[in-house]
N, C-alpha and C. Protein backbone atom coordinates (compact mmCIF):
# COMPACT_ATOMS: atom_id res chain seq x y z
N UNK A 1 -13.20 18.87 -2.28
CA UNK A 1 -13.72 19.95 -3.07
C UNK A 1 -13.88 19.53 -4.53
N UNK A 2 -12.92 18.75 -5.01
CA UNK A 2 -13.00 18.26 -6.39
C UNK A 2 -14.22 17.37 -6.56
N UNK A 3 -14.49 16.54 -5.57
CA UNK A 3 -15.68 15.68 -5.62
C UNK A 3 -16.94 16.53 -5.65
N UNK A 4 -16.96 17.59 -4.85
CA UNK A 4 -18.12 18.49 -4.82
C UNK A 4 -18.37 19.10 -6.21
N UNK A 5 -17.32 19.60 -6.82
CA UNK A 5 -17.45 20.20 -8.15
C UNK A 5 -17.90 19.15 -9.17
N UNK A 6 -17.37 17.94 -9.04
CA UNK A 6 -17.77 16.88 -9.97
C UNK A 6 -19.25 16.54 -9.82
N UNK A 7 -19.73 16.52 -8.58
CA UNK A 7 -21.15 16.20 -8.35
C UNK A 7 -22.07 17.33 -8.80
N UNK A 8 -21.68 18.57 -8.53
CA UNK A 8 -22.56 19.68 -8.90
C UNK A 8 -22.42 20.05 -10.36
N UNK A 9 -21.25 19.82 -10.92
CA UNK A 9 -21.02 20.16 -12.33
C UNK A 9 -21.02 21.65 -12.59
N UNK A 10 -20.70 22.42 -11.55
CA UNK A 10 -20.78 23.87 -11.69
C UNK A 10 -19.57 24.54 -11.04
N UNK A 11 -19.12 25.61 -11.67
CA UNK A 11 -18.05 26.42 -11.11
C UNK A 11 -18.58 27.77 -10.62
N UNK A 12 -19.88 27.85 -10.42
CA UNK A 12 -20.50 29.10 -9.96
C UNK A 12 -19.99 29.43 -8.57
N UNK A 13 -19.88 30.72 -8.28
CA UNK A 13 -19.36 31.18 -7.00
C UNK A 13 -20.10 30.62 -5.81
N UNK A 14 -21.43 30.61 -5.87
CA UNK A 14 -22.21 30.11 -4.74
C UNK A 14 -22.00 28.61 -4.54
N UNK A 15 -21.82 27.87 -5.62
CA UNK A 15 -21.56 26.43 -5.51
C UNK A 15 -20.20 26.18 -4.86
N UNK A 16 -19.22 26.99 -5.22
CA UNK A 16 -17.88 26.86 -4.64
C UNK A 16 -17.92 27.17 -3.15
N UNK A 17 -18.64 28.21 -2.75
CA UNK A 17 -18.74 28.59 -1.33
C UNK A 17 -19.43 27.50 -0.54
N UNK A 18 -20.57 27.01 -1.04
CA UNK A 18 -21.28 25.93 -0.34
C UNK A 18 -20.40 24.68 -0.29
N UNK A 19 -19.67 24.41 -1.36
CA UNK A 19 -18.76 23.27 -1.38
C UNK A 19 -17.65 23.39 -0.36
N UNK A 20 -17.07 24.58 -0.23
CA UNK A 20 -16.02 24.80 0.77
C UNK A 20 -16.55 24.59 2.18
N UNK A 21 -17.72 25.13 2.46
CA UNK A 21 -18.33 24.98 3.79
C UNK A 21 -18.61 23.50 4.06
N UNK A 22 -19.21 22.83 3.10
CA UNK A 22 -19.52 21.41 3.26
C UNK A 22 -18.25 20.59 3.47
N UNK A 23 -17.22 20.87 2.69
CA UNK A 23 -15.96 20.16 2.81
C UNK A 23 -15.33 20.37 4.18
N UNK A 24 -15.37 21.60 4.68
CA UNK A 24 -14.80 21.89 6.00
C UNK A 24 -15.58 21.19 7.10
N UNK A 25 -16.90 21.18 7.02
CA UNK A 25 -17.72 20.51 8.05
C UNK A 25 -17.44 19.01 8.04
N UNK A 26 -17.42 18.40 6.87
CA UNK A 26 -17.16 16.96 6.78
C UNK A 26 -15.75 16.65 7.28
N UNK A 27 -14.79 17.47 6.93
CA UNK A 27 -13.42 17.26 7.40
C UNK A 27 -13.34 17.36 8.92
N UNK A 28 -14.01 18.34 9.50
CA UNK A 28 -14.00 18.52 10.95
C UNK A 28 -14.65 17.32 11.64
N UNK A 29 -15.77 16.84 11.10
CA UNK A 29 -16.48 15.73 11.73
C UNK A 29 -15.75 14.40 11.59
N UNK A 30 -14.94 14.26 10.56
CA UNK A 30 -14.29 12.97 10.33
C UNK A 30 -12.80 12.97 10.67
N UNK A 31 -12.29 14.03 11.26
CA UNK A 31 -10.86 14.13 11.54
C UNK A 31 -10.38 13.02 12.48
N UNK A 32 -11.22 12.59 13.41
CA UNK A 32 -10.80 11.57 14.36
C UNK A 32 -10.54 10.23 13.68
N UNK A 33 -11.13 10.00 12.53
CA UNK A 33 -10.90 8.74 11.82
C UNK A 33 -9.51 8.70 11.21
N UNK A 34 -8.89 9.85 11.01
CA UNK A 34 -7.62 9.89 10.31
C UNK A 34 -6.45 10.35 11.18
N UNK A 35 -6.66 10.46 12.47
CA UNK A 35 -5.58 10.90 13.35
C UNK A 35 -5.09 9.77 14.24
N UNK A 36 -5.25 8.53 13.78
CA UNK A 36 -4.84 7.38 14.57
C UNK A 36 -3.32 7.22 14.60
N UNK A 37 -2.66 7.78 13.66
CA UNK A 37 -1.22 7.60 13.59
C UNK A 37 -0.52 8.96 13.60
N UNK A 38 0.77 8.93 13.76
CA UNK A 38 1.51 10.18 13.88
C UNK A 38 2.09 10.63 12.55
N UNK A 39 1.37 10.40 11.49
CA UNK A 39 1.83 10.79 10.17
C UNK A 39 1.80 12.31 10.04
N UNK A 40 2.95 12.89 9.79
CA UNK A 40 3.03 14.34 9.59
C UNK A 40 3.12 14.57 8.09
N UNK A 41 1.96 14.59 7.48
CA UNK A 41 1.85 14.58 6.02
C UNK A 41 2.50 15.80 5.38
N UNK A 42 2.59 16.90 6.09
CA UNK A 42 3.10 18.12 5.47
C UNK A 42 4.62 18.20 5.45
N UNK A 43 5.28 17.22 6.03
CA UNK A 43 6.74 17.20 6.00
C UNK A 43 7.21 16.97 4.57
N UNK A 44 8.03 17.89 4.04
CA UNK A 44 8.49 17.73 2.64
C UNK A 44 9.22 16.41 2.39
N UNK A 45 10.01 15.95 3.34
CA UNK A 45 10.73 14.69 3.14
C UNK A 45 9.76 13.51 3.06
N UNK A 46 8.72 13.54 3.88
CA UNK A 46 7.74 12.45 3.83
C UNK A 46 7.01 12.43 2.50
N UNK A 47 6.73 13.60 1.97
CA UNK A 47 6.06 13.66 0.67
C UNK A 47 6.98 13.08 -0.41
N UNK A 48 8.26 13.40 -0.33
CA UNK A 48 9.23 12.84 -1.29
C UNK A 48 9.29 11.32 -1.15
N UNK A 49 9.33 10.83 0.10
CA UNK A 49 9.35 9.39 0.32
C UNK A 49 8.07 8.72 -0.18
N UNK A 50 6.94 9.39 -0.03
CA UNK A 50 5.68 8.85 -0.55
C UNK A 50 5.72 8.73 -2.06
N UNK A 51 6.26 9.73 -2.72
CA UNK A 51 6.40 9.67 -4.17
C UNK A 51 7.36 8.55 -4.57
N UNK A 52 8.45 8.42 -3.84
CA UNK A 52 9.41 7.36 -4.11
C UNK A 52 8.77 5.99 -3.88
N UNK A 53 7.95 5.88 -2.83
CA UNK A 53 7.24 4.62 -2.55
C UNK A 53 6.34 4.26 -3.73
N UNK A 54 5.66 5.25 -4.28
CA UNK A 54 4.80 5.01 -5.43
C UNK A 54 5.60 4.46 -6.60
N UNK A 55 6.79 5.01 -6.84
CA UNK A 55 7.64 4.54 -7.94
C UNK A 55 8.10 3.10 -7.68
N UNK A 56 8.56 2.83 -6.46
CA UNK A 56 9.02 1.48 -6.12
C UNK A 56 7.87 0.48 -6.25
N UNK A 57 6.69 0.87 -5.76
CA UNK A 57 5.52 -0.01 -5.87
C UNK A 57 5.16 -0.25 -7.33
N UNK A 58 5.19 0.79 -8.14
CA UNK A 58 4.85 0.66 -9.56
C UNK A 58 5.81 -0.29 -10.27
N UNK A 59 7.10 -0.19 -9.98
CA UNK A 59 8.08 -1.09 -10.58
C UNK A 59 7.82 -2.53 -10.15
N UNK A 60 7.57 -2.74 -8.85
CA UNK A 60 7.27 -4.09 -8.35
C UNK A 60 5.99 -4.63 -8.98
N UNK A 61 5.01 -3.77 -9.15
CA UNK A 61 3.74 -4.16 -9.76
C UNK A 61 3.94 -4.62 -11.20
N UNK A 62 4.72 -3.87 -11.96
CA UNK A 62 4.98 -4.23 -13.36
C UNK A 62 5.75 -5.55 -13.44
N UNK A 63 6.80 -5.69 -12.62
CA UNK A 63 7.58 -6.93 -12.63
C UNK A 63 6.71 -8.13 -12.28
N UNK A 64 5.88 -7.99 -11.26
CA UNK A 64 5.03 -9.09 -10.83
C UNK A 64 3.97 -9.42 -11.87
N UNK A 65 3.40 -8.39 -12.49
CA UNK A 65 2.42 -8.64 -13.55
C UNK A 65 3.05 -9.41 -14.70
N UNK A 66 4.24 -9.03 -15.09
CA UNK A 66 4.92 -9.74 -16.18
C UNK A 66 5.23 -11.18 -15.79
N UNK A 67 5.65 -11.40 -14.54
CA UNK A 67 5.95 -12.75 -14.08
C UNK A 67 4.69 -13.62 -14.09
N UNK A 68 3.59 -13.12 -13.56
CA UNK A 68 2.35 -13.90 -13.53
C UNK A 68 1.83 -14.12 -14.95
N UNK A 69 1.91 -13.12 -15.80
CA UNK A 69 1.48 -13.29 -17.19
C UNK A 69 2.31 -14.37 -17.89
N UNK A 70 3.60 -14.38 -17.63
CA UNK A 70 4.48 -15.40 -18.21
C UNK A 70 4.08 -16.79 -17.72
N UNK A 71 3.73 -16.90 -16.45
CA UNK A 71 3.31 -18.19 -15.90
C UNK A 71 1.98 -18.65 -16.50
N UNK A 72 1.09 -17.70 -16.74
CA UNK A 72 -0.22 -18.04 -17.32
C UNK A 72 -0.05 -18.46 -18.78
N UNK A 73 0.78 -17.73 -19.51
CA UNK A 73 0.95 -18.01 -20.94
C UNK A 73 1.86 -19.21 -21.22
N UNK A 74 2.63 -19.61 -20.22
CA UNK A 74 3.51 -20.77 -20.35
C UNK A 74 3.18 -21.76 -19.23
N UNK A 75 2.14 -22.57 -19.43
CA UNK A 75 1.71 -23.49 -18.37
C UNK A 75 2.77 -24.50 -17.95
N UNK A 76 3.78 -24.71 -18.78
CA UNK A 76 4.81 -25.68 -18.42
C UNK A 76 5.76 -25.15 -17.35
N UNK A 77 5.73 -23.84 -17.10
CA UNK A 77 6.59 -23.28 -16.04
C UNK A 77 6.15 -23.84 -14.69
N UNK A 78 7.10 -24.33 -13.92
CA UNK A 78 6.71 -24.87 -12.61
C UNK A 78 6.34 -23.74 -11.64
N UNK A 79 5.35 -24.03 -10.82
CA UNK A 79 5.03 -23.10 -9.73
C UNK A 79 5.16 -23.87 -8.43
N UNK A 80 5.42 -23.15 -7.40
CA UNK A 80 5.62 -23.75 -6.09
C UNK A 80 4.86 -22.92 -5.07
N UNK A 81 3.52 -22.98 -5.08
CA UNK A 81 2.75 -22.14 -4.17
C UNK A 81 2.90 -22.56 -2.72
N UNK A 82 2.81 -21.59 -1.85
CA UNK A 82 2.90 -21.88 -0.43
C UNK A 82 2.76 -20.61 0.39
N UNK A 83 2.75 -20.80 1.69
CA UNK A 83 2.62 -19.67 2.61
C UNK A 83 3.95 -19.50 3.34
N UNK A 84 4.44 -18.28 3.32
CA UNK A 84 5.67 -17.94 4.03
C UNK A 84 5.35 -16.90 5.09
N UNK A 85 6.20 -16.79 6.07
CA UNK A 85 6.00 -15.76 7.09
C UNK A 85 7.30 -15.01 7.30
N UNK A 86 7.13 -13.77 7.73
CA UNK A 86 8.28 -12.95 8.08
C UNK A 86 7.85 -11.90 9.08
N UNK A 87 8.81 -11.35 9.78
CA UNK A 87 8.53 -10.30 10.75
C UNK A 87 8.84 -8.94 10.14
N UNK A 88 8.06 -7.95 10.54
CA UNK A 88 8.25 -6.60 10.04
C UNK A 88 8.82 -5.71 11.14
N UNK A 89 9.48 -4.65 10.73
CA UNK A 89 9.99 -3.66 11.67
C UNK A 89 9.01 -2.51 11.85
N UNK A 90 7.95 -2.50 11.06
CA UNK A 90 6.95 -1.43 11.15
C UNK A 90 6.22 -1.52 12.48
N UNK A 91 5.89 -0.36 13.04
CA UNK A 91 5.28 -0.36 14.37
C UNK A 91 3.81 0.07 14.38
N UNK A 92 3.42 0.95 13.48
CA UNK A 92 2.04 1.43 13.51
C UNK A 92 1.13 0.53 12.68
N UNK A 93 -0.11 0.44 13.11
CA UNK A 93 -1.08 -0.37 12.37
C UNK A 93 -1.28 0.15 10.96
N UNK A 94 -1.24 1.47 10.81
CA UNK A 94 -1.45 2.07 9.50
C UNK A 94 -0.33 1.68 8.53
N UNK A 95 0.91 1.72 9.00
CA UNK A 95 2.03 1.35 8.12
C UNK A 95 1.98 -0.14 7.77
N UNK A 96 1.56 -0.98 8.72
CA UNK A 96 1.41 -2.41 8.44
C UNK A 96 0.30 -2.64 7.42
N UNK A 97 -0.75 -1.84 7.52
CA UNK A 97 -1.85 -1.96 6.57
C UNK A 97 -1.39 -1.58 5.16
N UNK A 98 -0.60 -0.52 5.05
CA UNK A 98 -0.09 -0.11 3.74
C UNK A 98 0.81 -1.21 3.16
N UNK A 99 1.67 -1.79 3.99
CA UNK A 99 2.54 -2.87 3.52
C UNK A 99 1.71 -4.08 3.09
N UNK A 100 0.73 -4.47 3.91
CA UNK A 100 -0.11 -5.62 3.57
C UNK A 100 -0.86 -5.39 2.26
N UNK A 101 -1.40 -4.21 2.08
CA UNK A 101 -2.11 -3.91 0.83
C UNK A 101 -1.16 -3.88 -0.36
N UNK A 102 0.03 -3.36 -0.17
CA UNK A 102 1.01 -3.33 -1.27
C UNK A 102 1.38 -4.75 -1.69
N UNK A 103 1.56 -5.63 -0.72
CA UNK A 103 1.90 -7.02 -1.02
C UNK A 103 0.73 -7.68 -1.75
N UNK A 104 -0.49 -7.45 -1.28
CA UNK A 104 -1.66 -8.06 -1.90
C UNK A 104 -1.90 -7.53 -3.31
N UNK A 105 -1.65 -6.25 -3.53
CA UNK A 105 -1.86 -5.67 -4.85
C UNK A 105 -0.81 -6.11 -5.86
N UNK A 106 0.28 -6.65 -5.38
CA UNK A 106 1.33 -7.14 -6.27
C UNK A 106 0.98 -8.57 -6.68
N UNK A 107 0.73 -8.83 -7.96
CA UNK A 107 0.33 -10.17 -8.40
C UNK A 107 1.35 -11.23 -7.99
N UNK A 108 0.84 -12.38 -7.58
CA UNK A 108 1.70 -13.47 -7.16
C UNK A 108 1.86 -13.58 -5.67
N UNK A 109 1.44 -12.54 -4.94
CA UNK A 109 1.51 -12.58 -3.49
C UNK A 109 0.18 -12.10 -2.91
N UNK A 110 -0.17 -12.64 -1.76
CA UNK A 110 -1.41 -12.28 -1.09
C UNK A 110 -1.19 -12.31 0.41
N UNK A 111 -1.50 -11.22 1.08
CA UNK A 111 -1.38 -11.19 2.53
C UNK A 111 -2.53 -11.98 3.11
N UNK A 112 -2.21 -13.08 3.79
CA UNK A 112 -3.23 -13.95 4.36
C UNK A 112 -3.60 -13.47 5.76
N UNK A 113 -2.59 -13.09 6.55
CA UNK A 113 -2.85 -12.67 7.92
C UNK A 113 -1.68 -11.83 8.42
N UNK A 114 -1.99 -10.96 9.37
CA UNK A 114 -0.96 -10.19 10.07
C UNK A 114 -1.26 -10.33 11.55
N UNK A 115 -0.32 -10.91 12.27
CA UNK A 115 -0.48 -11.07 13.72
C UNK A 115 0.70 -10.36 14.37
N UNK A 116 0.39 -9.29 15.09
CA UNK A 116 1.40 -8.43 15.69
C UNK A 116 2.38 -7.96 14.62
N UNK A 117 3.62 -8.45 14.66
CA UNK A 117 4.59 -8.01 13.66
C UNK A 117 4.94 -9.12 12.66
N UNK A 118 4.13 -10.17 12.63
CA UNK A 118 4.37 -11.29 11.72
C UNK A 118 3.35 -11.28 10.58
N UNK A 119 3.86 -11.30 9.36
CA UNK A 119 3.04 -11.35 8.16
C UNK A 119 3.03 -12.78 7.63
N UNK A 120 1.87 -13.26 7.22
CA UNK A 120 1.73 -14.55 6.56
C UNK A 120 1.30 -14.27 5.12
N UNK A 121 2.11 -14.69 4.18
CA UNK A 121 1.92 -14.35 2.77
C UNK A 121 1.79 -15.62 1.94
N UNK A 122 0.73 -15.68 1.11
CA UNK A 122 0.64 -16.75 0.12
C UNK A 122 1.43 -16.28 -1.10
N UNK A 123 2.35 -17.11 -1.53
CA UNK A 123 3.27 -16.76 -2.60
C UNK A 123 3.12 -17.78 -3.72
N UNK A 124 2.94 -17.32 -4.93
CA UNK A 124 2.68 -18.23 -6.06
C UNK A 124 3.87 -19.11 -6.39
N UNK A 125 5.06 -18.63 -6.11
CA UNK A 125 6.27 -19.41 -6.40
C UNK A 125 7.27 -19.21 -5.26
N UNK A 126 7.09 -20.02 -4.22
CA UNK A 126 7.94 -19.90 -3.04
C UNK A 126 9.37 -20.26 -3.41
N UNK A 127 10.25 -19.30 -3.24
CA UNK A 127 11.67 -19.51 -3.54
C UNK A 127 12.43 -19.95 -2.30
N UNK A 128 11.89 -19.62 -1.14
CA UNK A 128 12.53 -19.97 0.12
C UNK A 128 11.50 -19.95 1.24
N UNK A 129 11.70 -20.76 2.25
CA UNK A 129 10.83 -20.72 3.42
C UNK A 129 11.52 -20.01 4.58
N UNK A 130 12.77 -19.64 4.38
CA UNK A 130 13.50 -18.88 5.40
C UNK A 130 12.85 -17.51 5.55
N UNK A 131 12.41 -17.14 6.76
CA UNK A 131 11.72 -15.86 6.94
C UNK A 131 12.53 -14.65 6.49
N UNK A 132 13.83 -14.64 6.73
CA UNK A 132 14.66 -13.50 6.33
C UNK A 132 14.73 -13.36 4.81
N UNK A 133 14.91 -14.48 4.14
CA UNK A 133 14.99 -14.43 2.67
C UNK A 133 13.64 -14.09 2.06
N UNK A 134 12.56 -14.61 2.65
CA UNK A 134 11.21 -14.29 2.16
C UNK A 134 10.94 -12.80 2.35
N UNK A 135 11.34 -12.27 3.50
CA UNK A 135 11.19 -10.83 3.76
C UNK A 135 11.93 -10.01 2.71
N UNK A 136 13.17 -10.39 2.44
CA UNK A 136 13.98 -9.68 1.45
C UNK A 136 13.33 -9.72 0.07
N UNK A 137 12.82 -10.87 -0.29
CA UNK A 137 12.24 -11.06 -1.62
C UNK A 137 10.90 -10.33 -1.78
N UNK A 138 10.07 -10.34 -0.73
CA UNK A 138 8.70 -9.83 -0.85
C UNK A 138 8.55 -8.39 -0.37
N UNK A 139 9.08 -8.07 0.80
CA UNK A 139 8.68 -6.83 1.47
C UNK A 139 9.78 -5.81 1.73
N UNK A 140 11.01 -6.19 1.64
CA UNK A 140 12.08 -5.29 2.07
C UNK A 140 12.08 -3.95 1.34
N UNK A 141 11.90 -3.97 0.03
CA UNK A 141 11.94 -2.71 -0.72
C UNK A 141 10.81 -1.77 -0.31
N UNK A 142 9.64 -2.33 0.02
CA UNK A 142 8.53 -1.51 0.48
C UNK A 142 8.79 -0.98 1.89
N UNK A 143 9.23 -1.89 2.77
CA UNK A 143 9.36 -1.54 4.18
C UNK A 143 10.42 -0.48 4.44
N UNK A 144 11.51 -0.51 3.71
CA UNK A 144 12.57 0.49 3.90
C UNK A 144 12.02 1.91 3.76
N UNK A 145 11.15 2.10 2.77
CA UNK A 145 10.59 3.43 2.54
C UNK A 145 9.48 3.72 3.54
N UNK A 146 8.67 2.72 3.85
CA UNK A 146 7.58 2.93 4.81
C UNK A 146 8.11 3.33 6.18
N UNK A 147 9.27 2.81 6.56
CA UNK A 147 9.87 3.20 7.84
C UNK A 147 10.21 4.68 7.86
N UNK A 148 10.51 5.25 6.72
CA UNK A 148 10.84 6.68 6.65
C UNK A 148 9.58 7.54 6.58
N UNK A 149 8.50 6.97 6.07
CA UNK A 149 7.24 7.72 5.98
C UNK A 149 6.52 7.75 7.32
N UNK A 150 6.49 6.61 7.99
CA UNK A 150 5.73 6.51 9.25
C UNK A 150 6.68 6.53 10.42
C-alpha cells in the first residue's frame, strides 16, 4: 500500500480504495510464492527474535566493516584468504538462504556454495580450517537466532 501511495502521490479516498483492491489482488495472486516455509510471522516471539537478529547482524556488519577498512588502510596487515566449510543445523531452504545472505553481506566473508547442510565460505582472513571453529567464528551468532525464527 505504501508503494501504491508513493507511485500515485495522492492520499485521495478513491486512490486509497483502488490501492487497497490492487494490493489485495496482487497479494492473493502471489501468496504461493511466499508460503514455501512454515514461518508464522504473526507470532510475537518470532517478531522479537527477528528484531534481535537485526541487531546481531548490524553489530556483526559494523565489526566486519571496521576490520576490512583496517586491512585496506594498513596494507602491511597479513591476510590469509581461503575457503572454509561448516555444517548448519538449519533445516528450511529459506532459513539457509537468510544465513547465506547474512554471511555474504558481512564484509570479509562470502558464501560460495551451499550443498544440503554444508556451507562453503570464502573468508578474507582464515583463522582456522576446523569446521566447528569456522562455524563458531562466522555463523553461530546468526544461526542461534535463525533456529528460533524458523
